[in-house]
Amino acid sequence: MSQTKISRIETGRALPTVIDVQRILTALGVPQEVADELLRLARKANVDYASWRTYARVGLYRKQAELKALESTSRVMRHFLPAIPTGLLHVRQYAEQTLSKTVSSAPARDVGKAVQARMDRQAILDDQSRSFTFLLTEQAVRWCRASREVMAAQCAHMADVSEKPNVEIAVIPQAVRISATPLNVFVVYDDRLVTVELFSGEVVLRDPRDISHHLELFDLFLGNALTGTDSTAFLRETAEGFMRLRD
């Protein structure tokens, strides 16, 4: 292991992987009992999981507060959204739909409080010291999660947001051939952590290799997307299309 890498770990500029910790412990001859505890901590530091049930018990609005804190300490945020627009892009009625209970096994939640917290978070989009890239699939834009009026308002709102100088909203057309599969919603905060959403909860990854992997995937998908005025025009056309539909 290079001295540079050791220095980055010692100064907190790099998070050691579980393998890194194992190598250091072996080199130093650390007693097994201590080594086992340090390896446990290394695994926890690199991968963290929290279920939506846990958040629901303490109030989903607390998750919104956690996200707000994370966004306020990040400068560059990249959202990959293959299934649904993220909360930072929601209009109120759309947020109410996405935060409402859908199946019987889903935990109960205080929708009103969570929706307001989500709306409050959106003020950060006006902070031009931070940059946001929201990369959606066409399906994420068109998925009818609410009435046609709400869907039209949601698409029109995203088109408006895309015109902010520090915000890029890109859309991957369904007809484009891409050599990768959009499996999960994920967000990369600077180059320090990735959050990945599952049906049951959220995984947080801090291993630099996981972060680099997700950044590569993000760039691959972004390279096949509509951007700039093309994306904005697509969102406005989709909004008009929803208004022509019947519920």
C-alpha atoms as a PDB file:
ATOM      1  CA  MET A   1       0.000   0.000   0.000  1.00  0.00           C
ATOM      2  CA  SER A   2       1.474   3.349  -1.032  1.00  0.00           C
ATOM      3  CA  GLN A   3       2.426   6.031   1.467  1.00  0.00           C
ATOM      4  CA  THR A   4       0.087   8.409  -0.375  1.00  0.00           C
ATOM      5  CA  LYS A   5      -2.855   6.116   0.269  1.00  0.00           C
ATOM      6  CA  ILE A   6      -1.887   5.677   3.933  1.00  0.00           C
ATOM      7  CA  SER A   7      -1.673   9.459   4.270  1.00  0.00           C
ATOM      8  CA  ARG A   8      -5.109   9.962   2.677  1.00  0.00           C
ATOM      9  CA  ILE A   9      -6.626   7.456   5.099  1.00  0.00           C
ATOM     10  CA  GLU A  10      -4.877   8.981   8.110  1.00  0.00           C
ATOM     11  CA  THR A  11      -6.027  12.514   7.250  1.00  0.00           C
ATOM     12  CA  GLY A  12      -9.610  11.476   6.485  1.00  0.00           C
ATOM     13  CA  ARG A  13      -9.428  12.293   2.770  1.00  0.00           C
ATOM     14  CA  ALA A  14     -10.136   8.663   1.852  1.00  0.00           C
ATOM     15  CA  LEU A  15     -12.310   6.079   3.527  1.00  0.00           C
ATOM     16  CA  PRO A  16     -10.449   2.765   3.886  1.00  0.00           C
ATOM     17  CA  THR A  17     -12.218  -0.221   2.378  1.00  0.00           C
ATOM     18  CA  VAL A  18     -12.703  -3.407   4.372  1.00  0.00           C
ATOM     19  CA  ILE A  19      -9.789  -4.916   2.414  1.00  0.00           C
ATOM     20  CA  ASP A  20      -7.588  -1.908   3.236  1.00  0.00           C
ATOM     21  CA  VAL A  21      -8.348  -2.320   6.942  1.00  0.00           C
ATOM     22  CA  GLN A  22      -7.664  -6.056   6.788  1.00  0.00           C
ATOM     23  CA  ARG A  23      -4.260  -5.455   5.174  1.00  0.00           C
ATOM     24  CA  ILE A  24      -3.281  -2.845   7.755  1.00  0.00           C
ATOM     25  CA  LEU A  25      -4.390  -5.032  10.655  1.00  0.00           C
ATOM     26  CA  THR A  26      -2.427  -7.975   9.280  1.00  0.00           C
ATOM     27  CA  ALA A  27       0.696  -5.859   8.744  1.00  0.00           C
ATOM     28  CA  LEU A  28       0.517  -4.507  12.304  1.00  0.00           C
ATOM     29  CA  GLY A  29      -0.226  -7.879  13.888  1.00  0.00           C
ATOM     30  CA  VAL A  30      -3.319  -6.562  15.672  1.00  0.00           C
ATOM     31  CA  PRO A  31      -4.882  -9.113  18.106  1.00  0.00           C
ATOM     32  CA  GLN A  32      -7.844 -10.983  16.601  1.00  0.00           C
ATOM     33  CA  GLU A  33     -10.442  -9.636  19.043  1.00  0.00           C
ATOM     34  CA  VAL A  34      -9.505  -6.035  18.238  1.00  0.00           C
ATOM     35  CA  ALA A  35      -9.194  -6.801  14.535  1.00  0.00           C
ATOM     36  CA  ASP A  36     -12.708  -8.274  14.429  1.00  0.00           C
ATOM     37  CA  GLU A  37     -14.172  -5.116  15.978  1.00  0.00           C
ATOM     38  CA  LEU A  38     -12.289  -2.809  13.596  1.00  0.00           C
ATOM     39  CA  LEU A  39     -13.407  -4.867  10.596  1.00  0.00           C
ATOM     40  CA  ARG A  40     -17.009  -4.653  11.812  1.00  0.00           C
ATOM     41  CA  LEU A  41     -16.701  -0.882  12.006  1.00  0.00           C
ATOM     42  CA  ALA A  42     -15.111  -0.752   8.543  1.00  0.00           C
ATOM     43  CA  ARG A  43     -18.023  -2.703   7.048  1.00  0.00           C
ATOM     44  CA  LYS A  44     -20.521  -0.417   8.753  1.00  0.00           C
ATOM     45  CA  ALA A  45     -18.677   2.710   7.599  1.00  0.00           C
ATOM     46  CA  ASN A  46     -18.618   1.604   3.977  1.00  0.00           C
ATOM     47  CA  VAL A  47     -22.191   0.349   3.657  1.00  0.00           C
ATOM     48  CA  ASP A  48     -25.173   1.544   5.677  1.00  0.00           C
ATOM     49  CA  TYR A  49     -28.806   0.459   5.324  1.00  0.00           C
ATOM     50  CA  ALA A  50     -31.942   2.026   6.774  1.00  0.00           C
ATOM     51  CA  SER A  51     -35.469   0.746   6.146  1.00  0.00           C
ATOM     52  CA  TRP A  52     -38.414   3.008   5.363  1.00  0.00           C
ATOM     53  CA  ARG A  53     -40.144   1.407   8.366  1.00  0.00           C
ATOM     54  CA  THR A  54     -37.459   2.886  10.600  1.00  0.00           C
ATOM     55  CA  TYR A  55     -37.991   6.362   9.155  1.00  0.00           C
ATOM     56  CA  ALA A  56     -41.781   5.993   9.402  1.00  0.00           C
ATOM     57  CA  ARG A  57     -41.559   5.178  13.101  1.00  0.00           C
ATOM     58  CA  VAL A  58     -39.794   8.448  13.882  1.00  0.00           C
ATOM     59  CA  GLY A  59     -41.601  10.450  11.164  1.00  0.00           C
ATOM     60  CA  LEU A  60     -40.835  10.588   7.435  1.00  0.00           C
ATOM     61  CA  TYR A  61     -40.338  14.335   7.738  1.00  0.00           C
ATOM     62  CA  ARG A  62     -37.141  13.519   9.649  1.00  0.00           C
ATOM     63  CA  LYS A  63     -35.824  11.825   6.509  1.00  0.00           C
ATOM     64  CA  GLN A  64     -36.475  15.082   4.654  1.00  0.00           C
ATOM     65  CA  ALA A  65     -34.463  16.934   7.319  1.00  0.00           C
ATOM     66  CA  GLU A  66     -31.635  14.432   6.885  1.00  0.00           C
ATOM     67  CA  LEU A  67     -31.638  14.965   3.127  1.00  0.00           C
ATOM     68  CA  LYS A  68     -31.682  18.739   3.598  1.00  0.00           C
ATOM     69  CA  ALA A  69     -28.604  18.521   5.804  1.00  0.00           C
ATOM     70  CA  LEU A  70     -26.830  16.318   3.276  1.00  0.00           C
ATOM     71  CA  GLU A  71     -27.649  18.688   0.422  1.00  0.00           C
ATOM     72  CA  SER A  72     -26.503  21.722   2.410  1.00  0.00           C
ATOM     73  CA  THR A  73     -23.041  20.157   2.857  1.00  0.00           C
ATOM     74  CA  SER A  74     -22.642  19.147  -0.816  1.00  0.00           C
ATOM     75  CA  ARG A  75     -21.637  21.220  -3.837  1.00  0.00           C
ATOM     76  CA  VAL A  76     -22.256  18.866  -6.757  1.00  0.00           C
ATOM     77  CA  MET A  77     -25.261  16.518  -6.734  1.00  0.00           C
ATOM     78  CA  ARG A  78     -26.094  13.983  -9.429  1.00  0.00           C
ATOM     79  CA  HIS A  79     -29.499  12.251  -9.302  1.00  0.00           C
ATOM     80  CA  PHE A  80     -30.151   9.172 -11.446  1.00  0.00           C
ATOM     81  CA  LEU A  81     -33.927   8.696 -11.638  1.00  0.00           C
ATOM     82  CA  PRO A  82     -35.063   5.719 -13.732  1.00  0.00           C
ATOM     83  CA  ALA A  83     -38.436   5.363 -12.009  1.00  0.00           C
ATOM     84  CA  ILE A  84     -39.725   8.682 -10.675  1.00  0.00           C
ATOM     85  CA  PRO A  85     -38.687  12.345 -10.296  1.00  0.00           C
ATOM     86  CA  THR A  86     -36.975  13.122  -7.002  1.00  0.00           C
ATOM     87  CA  GLY A  87     -38.530  15.185  -4.213  1.00  0.00           C
ATOM     88  CA  LEU A  88     -36.523  18.290  -5.097  1.00  0.00           C
ATOM     89  CA  LEU A  89     -38.524  18.449  -8.338  1.00  0.00           C
ATOM     90  CA  HIS A  90     -42.020  17.743  -7.009  1.00  0.00           C
ATOM     91  CA  VAL A  91     -45.055  19.967  -7.058  1.00  0.00           C
ATOM     92  CA  ARG A  92     -47.085  19.645  -3.870  1.00  0.00           C
ATOM     93  CA  GLN A  93     -49.875  17.425  -5.274  1.00  0.00           C
ATOM     94  CA  TYR A  94     -47.364  15.042  -6.818  1.00  0.00           C
ATOM     95  CA  ALA A  95     -45.445  14.851  -3.529  1.00  0.00           C
ATOM     96  CA  GLU A  96     -48.664  14.003  -1.700  1.00  0.00           C
ATOM     97  CA  GLN A  97     -49.237  11.087  -4.062  1.00  0.00           C
ATOM     98  CA  THR A  98     -45.702   9.711  -3.802  1.00  0.00           C
ATOM     99  CA  LEU A  99     -45.601   9.928  -0.004  1.00  0.00           C
ATOM    100  CA  SER A 100     -49.025   8.362   0.561  1.00  0.00           C
ATOM    101  CA  LYS A 101     -49.297   4.729   1.619  1.00  0.00           C
ATOM    102  CA  THR A 102     -49.782   2.444  -1.395  1.00  0.00           C
ATOM    103  CA  VAL A 103     -49.819  -1.177  -0.158  1.00  0.00           C
ATOM    104  CA  SER A 104     -50.969  -2.628   3.160  1.00  0.00           C
ATOM    105  CA  SER A 105     -47.450  -3.646   4.182  1.00  0.00           C
ATOM    106  CA  ALA A 106     -46.167  -0.075   3.838  1.00  0.00           C
ATOM    107  CA  PRO A 107     -45.642   1.751   7.135  1.00  0.00           C
ATOM    108  CA  ALA A 108     -48.049   4.490   8.218  1.00  0.00           C
ATOM    109  CA  ARG A 109     -46.760   8.023   7.779  1.00  0.00           C
ATOM    110  CA  ASP A 110     -47.569  11.676   8.469  1.00  0.00           C
ATOM    111  CA  VAL A 111     -48.003  12.739   4.851  1.00  0.00           C
ATOM    112  CA  GLY A 112     -48.764  16.421   5.458  1.00  0.00           C
ATOM    113  CA  LYS A 113     -45.665  17.025   7.558  1.00  0.00           C
ATOM    114  CA  ALA A 114     -43.428  15.075   5.181  1.00  0.00           C
ATOM    115  CA  VAL A 115     -44.765  16.939   2.137  1.00  0.00           C
ATOM    116  CA  GLN A 116     -44.124  20.338   3.739  1.00  0.00           C
ATOM    117  CA  ALA A 117     -40.594  19.303   4.669  1.00  0.00           C
ATOM    118  CA  ARG A 118     -40.029  18.202   1.069  1.00  0.00           C
ATOM    119  CA  MET A 119     -41.302  21.534  -0.251  1.00  0.00           C
ATOM    120  CA  ASP A 120     -39.022  23.412   2.155  1.00  0.00           C
ATOM    121  CA  ARG A 121     -35.993  21.485   0.870  1.00  0.00           C
ATOM    122  CA  GLN A 122     -36.464  22.851  -2.627  1.00  0.00           C
ATOM    123  CA  ALA A 123     -35.143  26.298  -1.676  1.00  0.00           C
ATOM    124  CA  ILE A 124     -31.624  24.912  -2.093  1.00  0.00           C
ATOM    125  CA  LEU A 125     -32.128  24.826  -5.869  1.00  0.00           C
ATOM    126  CA  ASP A 126     -31.811  28.620  -5.828  1.00  0.00           C
ATOM    127  CA  ASP A 127     -28.342  28.440  -4.249  1.00  0.00           C
ATOM    128  CA  GLN A 128     -26.119  28.964  -7.282  1.00  0.00           C
ATOM    129  CA  SER A 129     -23.018  27.871  -5.382  1.00  0.00           C
ATOM    130  CA  ARG A 130     -24.364  24.328  -5.787  1.00  0.00           C
ATOM    131  CA  SER A 131     -24.981  22.395  -8.993  1.00  0.00           C
ATOM    132  CA  PHE A 132     -27.625  19.755  -9.638  1.00  0.00           C
ATOM    133  CA  THR A 133     -27.985  17.259 -12.453  1.00  0.00           C
ATOM    134  CA  PHE A 134     -31.233  15.306 -12.535  1.00  0.00           C
ATOM    135  CA  LEU A 135     -31.096  12.453 -15.039  1.00  0.00           C
ATOM    136  CA  LEU A 136     -34.471  10.823 -15.707  1.00  0.00           C
ATOM    137  CA  THR A 137     -35.619   8.083 -18.039  1.00  0.00           C
ATOM    138  CA  GLU A 138     -38.586   8.854 -20.268  1.00  0.00           C
ATOM    139  CA  GLN A 139     -40.580   6.325 -18.238  1.00  0.00           C
ATOM    140  CA  ALA A 140     -39.866   8.260 -15.043  1.00  0.00           C
ATOM    141  CA  VAL A 141     -41.304  11.380 -16.682  1.00  0.00           C
ATOM    142  CA  ARG A 142     -44.377   9.672 -18.115  1.00  0.00           C
ATOM    143  CA  TRP A 143     -45.285   7.205 -15.334  1.00  0.00           C
ATOM    144  CA  CYS A 144     -48.828   8.193 -14.347  1.00  0.00           C
ATOM    145  CA  ARG A 145     -48.426   8.460 -10.587  1.00  0.00           C
ATOM    146  CA  ALA A 146     -51.266  10.973 -10.304  1.00  0.00           C
ATOM    147  CA  SER A 147     -54.113  12.536 -12.293  1.00  0.00           C
ATOM    148  CA  ARG A 148     -53.418  14.015 -15.713  1.00  0.00           C
ATOM    149  CA  GLU A 149     -53.688  17.556 -14.297  1.00  0.00           C
ATOM    150  CA  VAL A 150     -51.087  16.819 -11.631  1.00  0.00           C
ATOM    151  CA  MET A 151     -48.823  15.021 -14.115  1.00  0.00           C
ATOM    152  CA  ALA A 152     -49.060  17.990 -16.486  1.00  0.00           C
ATOM    153  CA  ALA A 153     -48.217  20.380 -13.645  1.00  0.00           C
ATOM    154  CA  GLN A 154     -45.313  18.156 -12.588  1.00  0.00           C
ATOM    155  CA  CYS A 155     -43.788  18.085 -16.071  1.00  0.00           C
ATOM    156  CA  ALA A 156     -44.272  21.819 -16.566  1.00  0.00           C
ATOM    157  CA  HIS A 157     -42.642  22.487 -13.205  1.00  0.00           C
ATOM    158  CA  MET A 158     -39.612  20.365 -14.128  1.00  0.00           C
ATOM    159  CA  ALA A 159     -39.309  22.315 -17.378  1.00  0.00           C
ATOM    160  CA  ASP A 160     -39.275  25.570 -15.379  1.00  0.00           C
ATOM    161  CA  VAL A 161     -36.686  24.240 -12.932  1.00  0.00           C
ATOM    162  CA  SER A 162     -34.473  23.092 -15.829  1.00  0.00           C
ATOM    163  CA  GLU A 163     -34.004  26.738 -16.784  1.00  0.00           C
ATOM    164  CA  LYS A 164     -32.250  27.585 -13.510  1.00  0.00           C
ATOM    165  CA  PRO A 165     -28.559  28.285 -14.261  1.00  0.00           C
ATOM    166  CA  ASN A 166     -27.256  25.721 -11.762  1.00  0.00           C
ATOM    167  CA  VAL A 167     -29.705  22.938 -12.668  1.00  0.00           C
ATOM    168  CA  GLU A 168     -29.560  20.414 -15.503  1.00  0.00           C
ATOM    169  CA  ILE A 169     -32.531  18.134 -16.104  1.00  0.00           C
ATOM    170  CA  ALA A 170     -31.742  15.451 -18.679  1.00  0.00           C
ATOM    171  CA  VAL A 171     -34.094  12.819 -20.096  1.00  0.00           C
ATOM    172  CA  ILE A 172     -33.121   9.484 -21.670  1.00  0.00           C
ATOM    173  CA  PRO A 173     -35.550   8.670 -24.520  1.00  0.00           C
ATOM    174  CA  GLN A 174     -36.992   5.153 -24.488  1.00  0.00           C
ATOM    175  CA  ALA A 175     -35.914   4.538 -28.075  1.00  0.00           C
ATOM    176  CA  VAL A 176     -32.205   5.040 -27.355  1.00  0.00           C
ATOM    177  CA  ARG A 177     -30.075   1.893 -27.231  1.00  0.00           C
ATOM    178  CA  ILE A 178     -27.856   1.864 -24.119  1.00  0.00           C
ATOM    179  CA  SER A 179     -25.380  -0.801 -23.005  1.00  0.00           C
ATOM    180  CA  ALA A 180     -26.486  -0.742 -19.363  1.00  0.00           C
ATOM    181  CA  THR A 181     -29.659  -1.365 -17.353  1.00  0.00           C
ATOM    182  CA  PRO A 182     -31.188   1.346 -15.098  1.00  0.00           C
ATOM    183  CA  LEU A 183     -31.682  -0.790 -12.005  1.00  0.00           C
ATOM    184  CA  ASN A 184     -31.940   1.693  -9.129  1.00  0.00           C
ATOM    185  CA  VAL A 185     -32.499   5.289  -8.169  1.00  0.00           C
ATOM    186  CA  PHE A 186     -29.201   6.668  -6.863  1.00  0.00           C
ATOM    187  CA  VAL A 187     -27.715  10.017  -5.869  1.00  0.00           C
ATOM    188  CA  VAL A 188     -24.010  10.910  -5.802  1.00  0.00           C
ATOM    189  CA  TYR A 189     -23.054  13.686  -3.383  1.00  0.00           C
ATOM    190  CA  ASP A 190     -19.784  15.283  -4.519  1.00  0.00           C
ATOM    191  CA  ASP A 191     -17.356  12.364  -4.631  1.00  0.00           C
ATOM    192  CA  ARG A 192     -17.910  11.222  -1.042  1.00  0.00           C
ATOM    193  CA  LEU A 193     -21.026   9.063  -0.902  1.00  0.00           C
ATOM    194  CA  VAL A 194     -23.810   7.437  -2.895  1.00  0.00           C
ATOM    195  CA  THR A 195     -27.361   6.701  -1.740  1.00  0.00           C
ATOM    196  CA  VAL A 196     -29.268   3.900  -3.472  1.00  0.00           C
ATOM    197  CA  GLU A 197     -33.036   3.506  -3.046  1.00  0.00           C
ATOM    198  CA  LEU A 198     -34.731   0.113  -2.704  1.00  0.00           C
ATOM    199  CA  PHE A 199     -38.409  -0.754  -2.215  1.00  0.00           C
ATOM    200  CA  SER A 200     -37.724  -1.464   1.457  1.00  0.00           C
ATOM    201  CA  GLY A 201     -35.192   1.214   2.317  1.00  0.00           C
ATOM    202  CA  GLU A 202     -31.993   2.993   1.396  1.00  0.00           C
ATOM    203  CA  VAL A 203     -28.354   1.896   1.145  1.00  0.00           C
ATOM    204  CA  VAL A 204     -25.514   4.372   1.665  1.00  0.00           C
ATOM    205  CA  LEU A 205     -22.160   3.582   0.028  1.00  0.00           C
ATOM    206  CA  ARG A 206     -18.932   5.342   0.991  1.00  0.00           C
ATOM    207  CA  ASP A 207     -16.275   3.103  -0.537  1.00  0.00           C
ATOM    208  CA  PRO A 208     -14.400   5.208  -3.166  1.00  0.00           C
ATOM    209  CA  ARG A 209     -14.663   2.308  -5.626  1.00  0.00           C
ATOM    210  CA  ASP A 210     -18.451   2.241  -5.307  1.00  0.00           C
ATOM    211  CA  ILE A 211     -18.589   5.999  -5.782  1.00  0.00           C
ATOM    212  CA  SER A 212     -16.389   5.841  -8.897  1.00  0.00           C
ATOM    213  CA  HIS A 213     -18.524   3.026 -10.297  1.00  0.00           C
ATOM    214  CA  HIS A 214     -21.741   5.024  -9.902  1.00  0.00           C
ATOM    215  CA  LEU A 215     -20.140   8.132 -11.402  1.00  0.00           C
ATOM    216  CA  GLU A 216     -19.120   6.092 -14.451  1.00  0.00           C
ATOM    217  CA  LEU A 217     -22.658   4.741 -14.784  1.00  0.00           C
ATOM    218  CA  PHE A 218     -24.083   8.243 -14.436  1.00  0.00           C
ATOM    219  CA  ASP A 219     -21.834   9.560 -17.217  1.00  0.00           C
ATOM    220  CA  LEU A 220     -22.749   6.615 -19.449  1.00  0.00           C
ATOM    221  CA  PHE A 221     -26.479   7.257 -19.089  1.00  0.00           C
ATOM    222  CA  LEU A 222     -26.069  11.044 -19.337  1.00  0.00           C
ATOM    223  CA  GLY A 223     -24.243  10.621 -22.645  1.00  0.00           C
ATOM    224  CA  ASN A 224     -27.437   9.156 -24.128  1.00  0.00           C
ATOM    225  CA  ALA A 225     -29.864  11.767 -22.785  1.00  0.00           C
ATOM    226  CA  LEU A 226     -31.595  14.873 -24.056  1.00  0.00           C
ATOM    227  CA  THR A 227     -30.111  17.911 -22.323  1.00  0.00           C
ATOM    228  CA  GLY A 228     -30.470  21.687 -22.271  1.00  0.00           C
ATOM    229  CA  THR A 229     -33.201  23.166 -24.434  1.00  0.00           C
ATOM    230  CA  ASP A 230     -33.987  19.747 -25.962  1.00  0.00           C
ATOM    231  CA  SER A 231     -34.832  18.335 -22.545  1.00  0.00           C
ATOM    232  CA  THR A 232     -36.851  21.402 -21.558  1.00  0.00           C
ATOM    233  CA  ALA A 233     -38.851  21.185 -24.792  1.00  0.00           C
ATOM    234  CA  PHE A 234     -39.507  17.473 -24.191  1.00  0.00           C
ATOM    235  CA  LEU A 235     -40.853  18.199 -20.698  1.00  0.00           C
ATOM    236  CA  ARG A 236     -43.157  20.966 -21.964  1.00  0.00           C
ATOM    237  CA  GLU A 237     -44.442  18.756 -24.785  1.00  0.00           C
ATOM    238  CA  THR A 238     -45.091  15.945 -22.303  1.00  0.00           C
ATOM    239  CA  ALA A 239     -47.010  18.344 -20.045  1.00  0.00           C
ATOM    240  CA  GLU A 240     -49.205  19.343 -22.992  1.00  0.00           C
ATOM    241  CA  GLY A 241     -49.705  15.677 -23.853  1.00  0.00           C
ATOM    242  CA  PHE A 242     -50.988  14.925 -20.362  1.00  0.00           C
ATOM    243  CA  MET A 243     -53.506  17.742 -20.629  1.00  0.00           C
ATOM    244  CA  ARG A 244     -54.883  16.183 -23.813  1.00  0.00           C
ATOM    245  CA  LEU A 245     -55.489  12.852 -22.051  1.00  0.00           C
ATOM    246  CA  ARG A 246     -58.628  11.765 -20.236  1.00  0.00           C
ATOM    247  CA  ASP A 247     -58.401  10.290 -16.717  1.00  0.00           C
END
